[in-house]
PDB file of N, CA and C in Angstrom:
ATOM      1  N   MET A   1     113.349 108.508  73.715  1.00  0.00           N
ATOM      2  CA  MET A   1     113.428 107.354  72.844  1.00  0.00           C
ATOM      3  C   MET A   1     114.901 107.026  72.608  1.00  0.00           C
ATOM      4  N   THR A   2     115.205 105.748  72.563  1.00  0.00           N
ATOM      5  CA  THR A   2     116.571 105.308  72.326  1.00  0.00           C
ATOM      6  C   THR A   2     116.857 105.240  70.832  1.00  0.00           C
ATOM      7  N   SER A   3     118.094 105.003  70.488  1.00  0.00           N
ATOM      8  CA  SER A   3     118.482 104.948  69.081  1.00  0.00           C
ATOM      9  C   SER A   3     117.820 103.801  68.322  1.00  0.00           C
ATOM     10  N   ASP A   4     117.392 102.754  69.046  1.00  0.00           N
ATOM     11  CA  ASP A   4     116.731 101.636  68.358  1.00  0.00           C
ATOM     12  C   ASP A   4     115.207 101.795  68.325  1.00  0.00           C
ATOM     13  N   GLY A   5     114.690 102.940  68.778  1.00  0.00           N
ATOM     14  CA  GLY A   5     113.258 103.217  68.694  1.00  0.00           C
ATOM     15  C   GLY A   5     112.456 102.822  69.922  1.00  0.00           C
ATOM     16  N   THR A   6     113.074 102.196  70.904  1.00  0.00           N
ATOM     17  CA  THR A   6     112.342 101.816  72.112  1.00  0.00           C
ATOM     18  C   THR A   6     112.240 103.013  73.053  1.00  0.00           C
ATOM     19  N   HIS A   7     111.236 102.970  73.917  1.00  0.00           N
ATOM     20  CA  HIS A   7     111.095 104.022  74.909  1.00  0.00           C
ATOM     21  C   HIS A   7     110.306 103.503  76.104  1.00  0.00           C
ATOM     22  N   TRP A   8     110.499 104.143  77.216  1.00  0.00           N
ATOM     23  CA  TRP A   8     109.781 103.794  78.433  1.00  0.00           C
ATOM     24  C   TRP A   8     108.402 104.426  78.409  1.00  0.00           C
ATOM     25  N   ILE A   9     107.451 103.716  78.993  1.00  0.00           N
ATOM     26  CA  ILE A   9     106.123 104.290  79.200  1.00  0.00           C
ATOM     27  C   ILE A   9     105.750 104.088  80.666  1.00  0.00           C
ATOM     28  N   ARG A  10     104.809 104.857  81.121  1.00  0.00           N
ATOM     29  CA  ARG A  10     104.282 104.675  82.469  1.00  0.00           C
ATOM     30  C   ARG A  10     102.924 103.992  82.325  1.00  0.00           C
ATOM     31  N   ALA A  11     102.720 102.928  83.105  1.00  0.00           N
ATOM     32  CA  ALA A  11     101.490 102.140  82.995  1.00  0.00           C
ATOM     33  C   ALA A  11     100.896 101.880  84.375  1.00  0.00           C
ATOM     34  N   ALA A  12      99.578 101.754  84.409  1.00  0.00           N
ATOM     35  CA  ALA A  12      98.858 101.320  85.611  1.00  0.00           C
ATOM     36  C   ALA A  12      98.281  99.951  85.267  1.00  0.00           C
ATOM     37  N   LEU A  13      98.812  98.911  85.896  1.00  0.00           N
ATOM     38  CA  LEU A  13      98.506  97.551  85.455  1.00  0.00           C
ATOM     39  C   LEU A  13      97.377  96.860  86.208  1.00  0.00           C
ATOM     40  N   GLN A  14      96.718  97.555  87.109  1.00  0.00           N
ATOM     41  CA  GLN A  14      95.512  96.988  87.717  1.00  0.00           C
ATOM     42  C   GLN A  14      94.557  98.113  88.071  1.00  0.00           C
ATOM     43  N   VAL A  15      93.747  98.465  87.104  1.00  0.00           N
ATOM     44  CA  VAL A  15      92.736  99.501  87.268  1.00  0.00           C
ATOM     45  C   VAL A  15      91.384  98.810  87.264  1.00  0.00           C
ATOM     46  N   ASN A  16      90.576  99.104  88.254  1.00  0.00           N
ATOM     47  CA  ASN A  16      89.256  98.481  88.316  1.00  0.00           C
ATOM     48  C   ASN A  16      88.227  99.317  87.574  1.00  0.00           C
ATOM     49  N   PRO A  17      87.287  98.661  86.882  1.00  0.00           N
ATOM     50  CA  PRO A  17      86.208  99.391  86.223  1.00  0.00           C
ATOM     51  C   PRO A  17      85.186  99.876  87.252  1.00  0.00           C
ATOM     52  N   TYR A  18      84.295 100.732  86.832  1.00  0.00           N
ATOM     53  CA  TYR A  18      83.282 101.296  87.731  1.00  0.00           C
ATOM     54  C   TYR A  18      82.449 100.207  88.403  1.00  0.00           C
ATOM     55  N   ALA A  19      82.184  99.113  87.710  1.00  0.00           N
ATOM     56  CA  ALA A  19      81.339  98.044  88.246  1.00  0.00           C
ATOM     57  C   ALA A  19      82.028  97.190  89.309  1.00  0.00           C
ATOM     58  N   TYR A  20      83.318  97.393  89.527  1.00  0.00           N
ATOM     59  CA  TYR A  20      84.051  96.611  90.533  1.00  0.00           C
ATOM     60  C   TYR A  20      83.366  96.728  91.887  1.00  0.00           C
ATOM     61  N   GLU A  21      83.234  95.593  92.592  1.00  0.00           N
ATOM     62  CA  GLU A  21      82.478  95.565  93.840  1.00  0.00           C
ATOM     63  C   GLU A  21      83.326  95.290  95.076  1.00  0.00           C
ATOM     64  N   GLY A  22      84.608  95.483  95.011  1.00  0.00           N
ATOM     65  CA  GLY A  22      85.481  95.230  96.149  1.00  0.00           C
ATOM     66  C   GLY A  22      85.410  96.319  97.210  1.00  0.00           C
ATOM     67  N   ARG A  23      86.301  96.225  98.172  1.00  0.00           N
ATOM     68  CA  ARG A  23      86.331  97.154  99.303  1.00  0.00           C
ATOM     69  C   ARG A  23      86.413  98.616  98.872  1.00  0.00           C
ATOM     70  N   ASN A  24      87.191  98.896  97.847  1.00  0.00           N
ATOM     71  CA  ASN A  24      87.333 100.261  97.350  1.00  0.00           C
ATOM     72  C   ASN A  24      86.548 100.483  96.059  1.00  0.00           C
ATOM     73  N   ALA A  25      85.338  99.978  96.023  1.00  0.00           N
ATOM     74  CA  ALA A  25      84.503 100.073  94.828  1.00  0.00           C
ATOM     75  C   ALA A  25      84.321 101.533  94.404  1.00  0.00           C
ATOM     76  N   PRO A  26      84.489 101.814  93.118  1.00  0.00           N
ATOM     77  CA  PRO A  26      84.284 103.182  92.632  1.00  0.00           C
ATOM     78  C   PRO A  26      82.899 103.739  92.962  1.00  0.00           C
ATOM     79  N   THR A  27      81.901 102.873  93.082  1.00  0.00           N
ATOM     80  CA  THR A  27      80.555 103.351  93.409  1.00  0.00           C
ATOM     81  C   THR A  27      80.494 103.993  94.793  1.00  0.00           C
ATOM     82  N   ASN A  28      81.490 103.724  95.639  1.00  0.00           N
ATOM     83  CA  ASN A  28      81.541 104.368  96.960  1.00  0.00           C
ATOM     84  C   ASN A  28      82.028 105.811  96.877  1.00  0.00           C
ATOM     85  N   PHE A  29      82.629 106.183  95.746  1.00  0.00           N
ATOM     86  CA  PHE A  29      83.263 107.494  95.635  1.00  0.00           C
ATOM     87  C   PHE A  29      82.743 108.344  94.482  1.00  0.00           C
ATOM     88  N   PHE A  30      82.077 107.722  93.509  1.00  0.00           N
ATOM     89  CA  PHE A  30      81.617 108.438  92.323  1.00  0.00           C
ATOM     90  C   PHE A  30      80.139 108.137  92.078  1.00  0.00           C
ATOM     91  N   ALA A  31      79.403 109.133  91.629  1.00  0.00           N
ATOM     92  CA  ALA A  31      77.960 108.999  91.413  1.00  0.00           C
ATOM     93  C   ALA A  31      77.619 108.127  90.212  1.00  0.00           C
ATOM     94  N   ASN A  32      78.516 108.099  89.213  1.00  0.00           N
ATOM     95  CA  ASN A  32      78.207 107.323  88.006  1.00  0.00           C
ATOM     96  C   ASN A  32      79.499 106.957  87.272  1.00  0.00           C
ATOM     97  N   GLU A  33      79.362 106.070  86.305  1.00  0.00           N
ATOM     98  CA  GLU A  33      80.524 105.581  85.565  1.00  0.00           C
ATOM     99  C   GLU A  33      81.223 106.690  84.783  1.00  0.00           C
ATOM    100  N   GLU A  34      80.461 107.591  84.209  1.00  0.00           N
ATOM    101  CA  GLU A  34      81.051 108.680  83.429  1.00  0.00           C
ATOM    102  C   GLU A  34      81.971 109.547  84.297  1.00  0.00           C
ATOM    103  N   ASP A  35      81.530 109.890  85.504  1.00  0.00           N
ATOM    104  CA  ASP A  35      82.357 110.693  86.411  1.00  0.00           C
ATOM    105  C   ASP A  35      83.633 109.942  86.809  1.00  0.00           C
ATOM    106  N   TYR A  36      83.491 108.648  87.098  1.00  0.00           N
ATOM    107  CA  TYR A  36      84.649 107.824  87.461  1.00  0.00           C
ATOM    108  C   TYR A  36      85.655 107.755  86.316  1.00  0.00           C
ATOM    109  N   ASN A  37      85.155 107.450  85.112  1.00  0.00           N
ATOM    110  CA  ASN A  37      86.044 107.336  83.959  1.00  0.00           C
ATOM    111  C   ASN A  37      86.763 108.654  83.679  1.00  0.00           C
ATOM    112  N   GLU A  38      86.056 109.775  83.814  1.00  0.00           N
ATOM    113  CA  GLU A  38      86.656 111.078  83.578  1.00  0.00           C
ATOM    114  C   GLU A  38      87.758 111.371  84.605  1.00  0.00           C
ATOM    115  N   ALA A  39      87.481 111.097  85.879  1.00  0.00           N
ATOM    116  CA  ALA A  39      88.478 111.328  86.932  1.00  0.00           C
ATOM    117  C   ALA A  39      89.699 110.439  86.722  1.00  0.00           C
ATOM    118  N   LEU A  40      89.473 109.198  86.329  1.00  0.00           N
ATOM    119  CA  LEU A  40      90.585 108.283  86.100  1.00  0.00           C
ATOM    120  C   LEU A  40      91.439 108.737  84.920  1.00  0.00           C
ATOM    121  N   ARG A  41      90.801 109.148  83.837  1.00  0.00           N
ATOM    122  CA  ARG A  41      91.547 109.642  82.673  1.00  0.00           C
ATOM    123  C   ARG A  41      92.323 110.909  83.019  1.00  0.00           C
ATOM    124  N   ASP A  42      91.709 111.796  83.793  1.00  0.00           N
ATOM    125  CA  ASP A  42      92.404 113.019  84.202  1.00  0.00           C
ATOM    126  C   ASP A  42      93.646 112.693  85.021  1.00  0.00           C
ATOM    127  N   GLU A  43      93.515 111.739  85.954  1.00  0.00           N
ATOM    128  CA  GLU A  43      94.659 111.362  86.788  1.00  0.00           C
ATOM    129  C   GLU A  43      95.752 110.691  85.962  1.00  0.00           C
ATOM    130  N   CYS A  44      95.367 109.887  84.993  1.00  0.00           N
ATOM    131  CA  CYS A  44      96.353 109.280  84.101  1.00  0.00           C
ATOM    132  C   CYS A  44      97.128 110.363  83.357  1.00  0.00           C
ATOM    133  N   GLN A  45      96.425 111.376  82.923  1.00  0.00           N
ATOM    134  CA  GLN A  45      97.077 112.464  82.207  1.00  0.00           C
ATOM    135  C   GLN A  45      98.055 113.207  83.124  1.00  0.00           C
ATOM    136  N   VAL A  46      97.641 113.492  84.348  1.00  0.00           N
ATOM    137  CA  VAL A  46      98.506 114.182  85.313  1.00  0.00           C
ATOM    138  C   VAL A  46      99.770 113.363  85.584  1.00  0.00           C
ATOM    139  N   LEU A  47      99.620 112.047  85.706  1.00  0.00           N
ATOM    140  CA  LEU A  47     100.744 111.164  86.031  1.00  0.00           C
ATOM    141  C   LEU A  47     101.491 110.654  84.798  1.00  0.00           C
ATOM    142  N   ASP A  48     101.081 111.097  83.627  1.00  0.00           N
ATOM    143  CA  ASP A  48     101.697 110.684  82.366  1.00  0.00           C
ATOM    144  C   ASP A  48     101.606 109.178  82.152  1.00  0.00           C
ATOM    145  N   ILE A  49     100.474 108.603  82.524  1.00  0.00           N
ATOM    146  CA  ILE A  49     100.216 107.170  82.308  1.00  0.00           C
ATOM    147  C   ILE A  49      99.585 107.011  80.928  1.00  0.00           C
ATOM    148  N   SER A  50     100.205 106.191  80.093  1.00  0.00           N
ATOM    149  CA  SER A  50      99.713 106.031  78.726  1.00  0.00           C
ATOM    150  C   SER A  50      99.126 104.648  78.451  1.00  0.00           C
ATOM    151  N   LEU A  51      99.152 103.760  79.445  1.00  0.00           N
ATOM    152  CA  LEU A  51      98.601 102.414  79.287  1.00  0.00           C
ATOM    153  C   LEU A  51      97.986 101.978  80.599  1.00  0.00           C
ATOM    154  N   ILE A  52      96.776 101.438  80.523  1.00  0.00           N
ATOM    155  CA  ILE A  52      96.137 100.866  81.705  1.00  0.00           C
ATOM    156  C   ILE A  52      95.658  99.454  81.396  1.00  0.00           C
ATOM    157  N   ALA A  53      95.687  98.599  82.395  1.00  0.00           N
ATOM    158  CA  ALA A  53      95.101  97.265  82.302  1.00  0.00           C
ATOM    159  C   ALA A  53      93.898  97.272  83.250  1.00  0.00           C
ATOM    160  N   ILE A  54      92.743  97.005  82.707  1.00  0.00           N
ATOM    161  CA  ILE A  54      91.498  97.072  83.462  1.00  0.00           C
ATOM    162  C   ILE A  54      91.095  95.661  83.858  1.00  0.00           C
ATOM    163  N   THR A  55      90.997  95.416  85.165  1.00  0.00           N
ATOM    164  CA  THR A  55      90.694  94.071  85.630  1.00  0.00           C
ATOM    165  C   THR A  55      89.580  94.071  86.660  1.00  0.00           C
ATOM    166  N   ASP A  56      88.775  93.020  86.593  1.00  0.00           N
ATOM    167  CA  ASP A  56      87.716  92.772  87.553  1.00  0.00           C
ATOM    168  C   ASP A  56      87.718  91.265  87.805  1.00  0.00           C
ATOM    169  N   HIS A  57      87.143  90.846  88.898  1.00  0.00           N
ATOM    170  CA  HIS A  57      87.127  89.425  89.239  1.00  0.00           C
ATOM    171  C   HIS A  57      86.162  88.663  88.340  1.00  0.00           C
ATOM    172  N   TRP A  58      86.717  87.765  87.546  1.00  0.00           N
ATOM    173  CA  TRP A  58      85.969  86.854  86.683  1.00  0.00           C
ATOM    174  C   TRP A  58      85.070  87.560  85.676  1.00  0.00           C
ATOM    175  N   CYS A  59      85.350  88.806  85.359  1.00  0.00           N
ATOM    176  CA  CYS A  59      84.468  89.544  84.454  1.00  0.00           C
ATOM    177  C   CYS A  59      85.298  90.467  83.572  1.00  0.00           C
ATOM    178  N   VAL A  60      85.108  90.390  82.274  1.00  0.00           N
ATOM    179  CA  VAL A  60      85.791  91.299  81.361  1.00  0.00           C
ATOM    180  C   VAL A  60      84.807  92.306  80.771  1.00  0.00           C
ATOM    181  N   ASP A  61      83.525  91.966  80.730  1.00  0.00           N
ATOM    182  CA  ASP A  61      82.525  92.853  80.130  1.00  0.00           C
ATOM    183  C   ASP A  61      82.408  94.188  80.849  1.00  0.00           C
ATOM    184  N   SER A  62      82.696  94.224  82.135  1.00  0.00           N
ATOM    185  CA  SER A  62      82.561  95.463  82.904  1.00  0.00           C
ATOM    186  C   SER A  62      83.592  96.514  82.495  1.00  0.00           C
ATOM    187  N   ALA A  63      84.589  96.130  81.712  1.00  0.00           N
ATOM    188  CA  ALA A  63      85.651  97.050  81.302  1.00  0.00           C
ATOM    189  C   ALA A  63      85.285  97.902  80.093  1.00  0.00           C
ATOM    190  N   ARG A  64      84.249  97.546  79.358  1.00  0.00           N
ATOM    191  CA  ARG A  64      83.954  98.194  78.074  1.00  0.00           C
ATOM    192  C   ARG A  64      83.883  99.720  78.168  1.00  0.00           C
ATOM    193  N   GLY A  65      83.158 100.266  79.124  1.00  0.00           N
ATOM    194  CA  GLY A  65      83.018 101.720  79.230  1.00  0.00           C
ATOM    195  C   GLY A  65      84.344 102.416  79.451  1.00  0.00           C
ATOM    196  N   LEU A  66      85.176 101.856  80.314  1.00  0.00           N
ATOM    197  CA  LEU A  66      86.478 102.462  80.601  1.00  0.00           C
ATOM    198  C   LEU A  66      87.441 102.278  79.439  1.00  0.00           C
ATOM    199  N   VAL A  67      87.378 101.155  78.751  1.00  0.00           N
ATOM    200  CA  VAL A  67      88.211 100.956  77.559  1.00  0.00           C
ATOM    201  C   VAL A  67      87.891 102.037  76.534  1.00  0.00           C
ATOM    202  N   ASP A  68      86.615 102.241  76.265  1.00  0.00           N
ATOM    203  CA  ASP A  68      86.202 103.249  75.281  1.00  0.00           C
ATOM    204  C   ASP A  68      86.606 104.654  75.710  1.00  0.00           C
ATOM    205  N   ALA A  69      86.385 104.974  76.991  1.00  0.00           N
ATOM    206  CA  ALA A  69      86.719 106.310  77.503  1.00  0.00           C
ATOM    207  C   ALA A  69      88.231 106.561  77.443  1.00  0.00           C
ATOM    208  N   ALA A  70      89.024 105.577  77.843  1.00  0.00           N
ATOM    209  CA  ALA A  70      90.482 105.722  77.831  1.00  0.00           C
ATOM    210  C   ALA A  70      90.996 105.863  76.413  1.00  0.00           C
ATOM    211  N   THR A  71      90.502 105.029  75.523  1.00  0.00           N
ATOM    212  CA  THR A  71      90.932 105.059  74.129  1.00  0.00           C
ATOM    213  C   THR A  71      90.632 106.418  73.499  1.00  0.00           C
ATOM    214  N   ALA A  72      89.480 106.984  73.833  1.00  0.00           N
ATOM    215  CA  ALA A  72      89.107 108.297  73.296  1.00  0.00           C
ATOM    216  C   ALA A  72      90.085 109.377  73.741  1.00  0.00           C
ATOM    217  N   ARG A  73      90.755 109.185  74.864  1.00  0.00           N
ATOM    218  CA  ARG A  73      91.726 110.154  75.386  1.00  0.00           C
ATOM    219  C   ARG A  73      93.156 109.796  74.967  1.00  0.00           C
ATOM    220  N   GLY A  74      93.321 108.724  74.175  1.00  0.00           N
ATOM    221  CA  GLY A  74      94.648 108.353  73.711  1.00  0.00           C
ATOM    222  C   GLY A  74      95.409 107.441  74.663  1.00  0.00           C
ATOM    223  N   ILE A  75      94.716 106.862  75.631  1.00  0.00           N
ATOM    224  CA  ILE A  75      95.327 105.935  76.588  1.00  0.00           C
ATOM    225  C   ILE A  75      95.068 104.514  76.093  1.00  0.00           C
ATOM    226  N   VAL A  76      96.100 103.713  75.987  1.00  0.00           N
ATOM    227  CA  VAL A  76      95.940 102.314  75.596  1.00  0.00           C
ATOM    228  C   VAL A  76      95.314 101.578  76.773  1.00  0.00           C
ATOM    229  N   ALA A  77      94.249 100.826  76.515  1.00  0.00           N
ATOM    230  CA  ALA A  77      93.540 100.109  77.575  1.00  0.00           C
ATOM    231  C   ALA A  77      93.455  98.634  77.238  1.00  0.00           C
ATOM    232  N   LEU A  78      93.937  97.800  78.152  1.00  0.00           N
ATOM    233  CA  LEU A  78      93.918  96.354  77.976  1.00  0.00           C
ATOM    234  C   LEU A  78      92.871  95.757  78.909  1.00  0.00           C
ATOM    235  N   PRO A  79      91.800  95.182  78.365  1.00  0.00           N
ATOM    236  CA  PRO A  79      90.810  94.546  79.228  1.00  0.00           C
ATOM    237  C   PRO A  79      91.298  93.173  79.677  1.00  0.00           C
ATOM    238  N   GLY A  80      90.945  92.795  80.868  1.00  0.00           N
ATOM    239  CA  GLY A  80      91.320  91.484  81.383  1.00  0.00           C
ATOM    240  C   GLY A  80      90.458  91.142  82.581  1.00  0.00           C
ATOM    241  N   PHE A  81      90.789  90.062  83.247  1.00  0.00           N
ATOM    242  CA  PHE A  81      90.071  89.721  84.470  1.00  0.00           C
ATOM    243  C   PHE A  81      91.016  89.006  85.410  1.00  0.00           C
ATOM    244  N   GLU A  82      90.660  89.053  86.665  1.00  0.00           N
ATOM    245  CA  GLU A  82      91.413  88.350  87.692  1.00  0.00           C
ATOM    246  C   GLU A  82      90.703  87.046  88.003  1.00  0.00           C
ATOM    247  N   ALA A  83      91.476  86.044  88.284  1.00  0.00           N
ATOM    248  CA  ALA A  83      90.921  84.750  88.668  1.00  0.00           C
ATOM    249  C   ALA A  83      91.611  84.301  89.950  1.00  0.00           C
ATOM    250  N   ASN A  84      90.907  83.546  90.744  1.00  0.00           N
ATOM    251  CA  ASN A  84      91.536  82.936  91.914  1.00  0.00           C
ATOM    252  C   ASN A  84      91.084  81.489  91.994  1.00  0.00           C
ATOM    253  N   SER A  85      91.860  80.675  92.653  1.00  0.00           N
ATOM    254  CA  SER A  85      91.587  79.244  92.713  1.00  0.00           C
ATOM    255  C   SER A  85      91.278  78.813  94.146  1.00  0.00           C
ATOM    256  N   SER A  86      90.814  77.601  94.268  1.00  0.00           N
ATOM    257  CA  SER A  86      90.541  77.065  95.601  1.00  0.00           C
ATOM    258  C   SER A  86      91.822  76.898  96.412  1.00  0.00           C
ATOM    259  N   GLU A  87      92.972  76.905  95.721  1.00  0.00           N
ATOM    260  CA  GLU A  87      94.263  76.813  96.415  1.00  0.00           C
ATOM    261  C   GLU A  87      94.739  78.176  96.908  1.00  0.00           C
ATOM    262  N   GLY A  88      93.962  79.231  96.630  1.00  0.00           N
ATOM    263  CA  GLY A  88      94.323  80.564  97.081  1.00  0.00           C
ATOM    264  C   GLY A  88      95.199  81.338  96.112  1.00  0.00           C
ATOM    265  N   ILE A  89      95.410  80.778  94.927  1.00  0.00           N
ATOM    266  CA  ILE A  89      96.191  81.487  93.916  1.00  0.00           C
ATOM    267  C   ILE A  89      95.305  82.557  93.308  1.00  0.00           C
ATOM    268  N   HIS A  90      95.846  83.753  93.202  1.00  0.00           N
ATOM    269  CA  HIS A  90      95.071  84.901  92.747  1.00  0.00           C
ATOM    270  C   HIS A  90      95.883  85.620  91.679  1.00  0.00           C
ATOM    271  N   GLY A  91      95.284  85.875  90.534  1.00  0.00           N
ATOM    272  CA  GLY A  91      96.004  86.609  89.504  1.00  0.00           C
ATOM    273  C   GLY A  91      95.360  86.469  88.156  1.00  0.00           C
ATOM    274  N   TRP A  92      96.012  86.964  87.170  1.00  0.00           N
ATOM    275  CA  TRP A  92      95.556  86.888  85.792  1.00  0.00           C
ATOM    276  C   TRP A  92      96.340  85.777  85.136  1.00  0.00           C
ATOM    277  N   PRO A  93      95.692  84.668  84.768  1.00  0.00           N
ATOM    278  CA  PRO A  93      96.426  83.535  84.201  1.00  0.00           C
ATOM    279  C   PRO A  93      97.251  83.952  82.987  1.00  0.00           C
ATOM    280  N   PRO A  94      98.559  83.728  83.005  1.00  0.00           N
ATOM    281  CA  PRO A  94      99.448  84.236  81.963  1.00  0.00           C
ATOM    282  C   PRO A  94      99.241  83.624  80.591  1.00  0.00           C
ATOM    283  N   ASN A  95      98.673  82.455  80.490  1.00  0.00           N
ATOM    284  CA  ASN A  95      98.507  81.809  79.195  1.00  0.00           C
ATOM    285  C   ASN A  95      97.124  82.023  78.589  1.00  0.00           C
ATOM    286  N   TRP A  96      96.289  82.822  79.227  1.00  0.00           N
ATOM    287  CA  TRP A  96      94.960  83.071  78.698  1.00  0.00           C
ATOM    288  C   TRP A  96      95.007  84.342  77.876  1.00  0.00           C
ATOM    289  N   GLY A  97      94.611  84.267  76.629  1.00  0.00           N
ATOM    290  CA  GLY A  97      94.584  85.445  75.779  1.00  0.00           C
ATOM    291  C   GLY A  97      93.342  86.284  76.041  1.00  0.00           C
ATOM    292  N   VAL A  98      93.370  87.514  75.599  1.00  0.00           N
ATOM    293  CA  VAL A  98      92.215  88.395  75.706  1.00  0.00           C
ATOM    294  C   VAL A  98      91.557  88.415  74.343  1.00  0.00           C
ATOM    295  N   ARG A  99      90.289  88.077  74.303  1.00  0.00           N
ATOM    296  CA  ARG A  99      89.533  88.076  73.051  1.00  0.00           C
ATOM    297  C   ARG A  99      88.716  89.352  72.945  1.00  0.00           C
ATOM    298  N   GLU A 100      88.378  89.704  71.735  1.00  0.00           N
ATOM    299  CA  GLU A 100      87.502  90.857  71.517  1.00  0.00           C
ATOM    300  C   GLU A 100      86.192  90.614  72.257  1.00  0.00           C
ATOM    301  N   PHE A 101      85.706  91.602  72.934  1.00  0.00           N
ATOM    302  CA  PHE A 101      84.439  91.431  73.664  1.00  0.00           C
ATOM    303  C   PHE A 101      83.449  92.477  73.273  1.00  0.00           C
TER     304      PHE A 101
END
């Protein structure tokens, strides 16, 4: 920590929830959401990651289980979603706030 109280943290800014259905879907590697969440929290602890951003395509509800699991382990979890446009722009719109879900 610096003299003004600031400090560096390690963060993982694109973590997919268990329900993610992409090429590397967690369902291809883990039998259930509980096992996935536990393995992810363990790896965060090993790597000293204290903040994760959980994102899925056009869906924020799928993050709830991982948000709860991470929070229980003391990891800050930010739910969000990814959006893409017909122009091929892909990302999390910077001006969209995250509401309680």
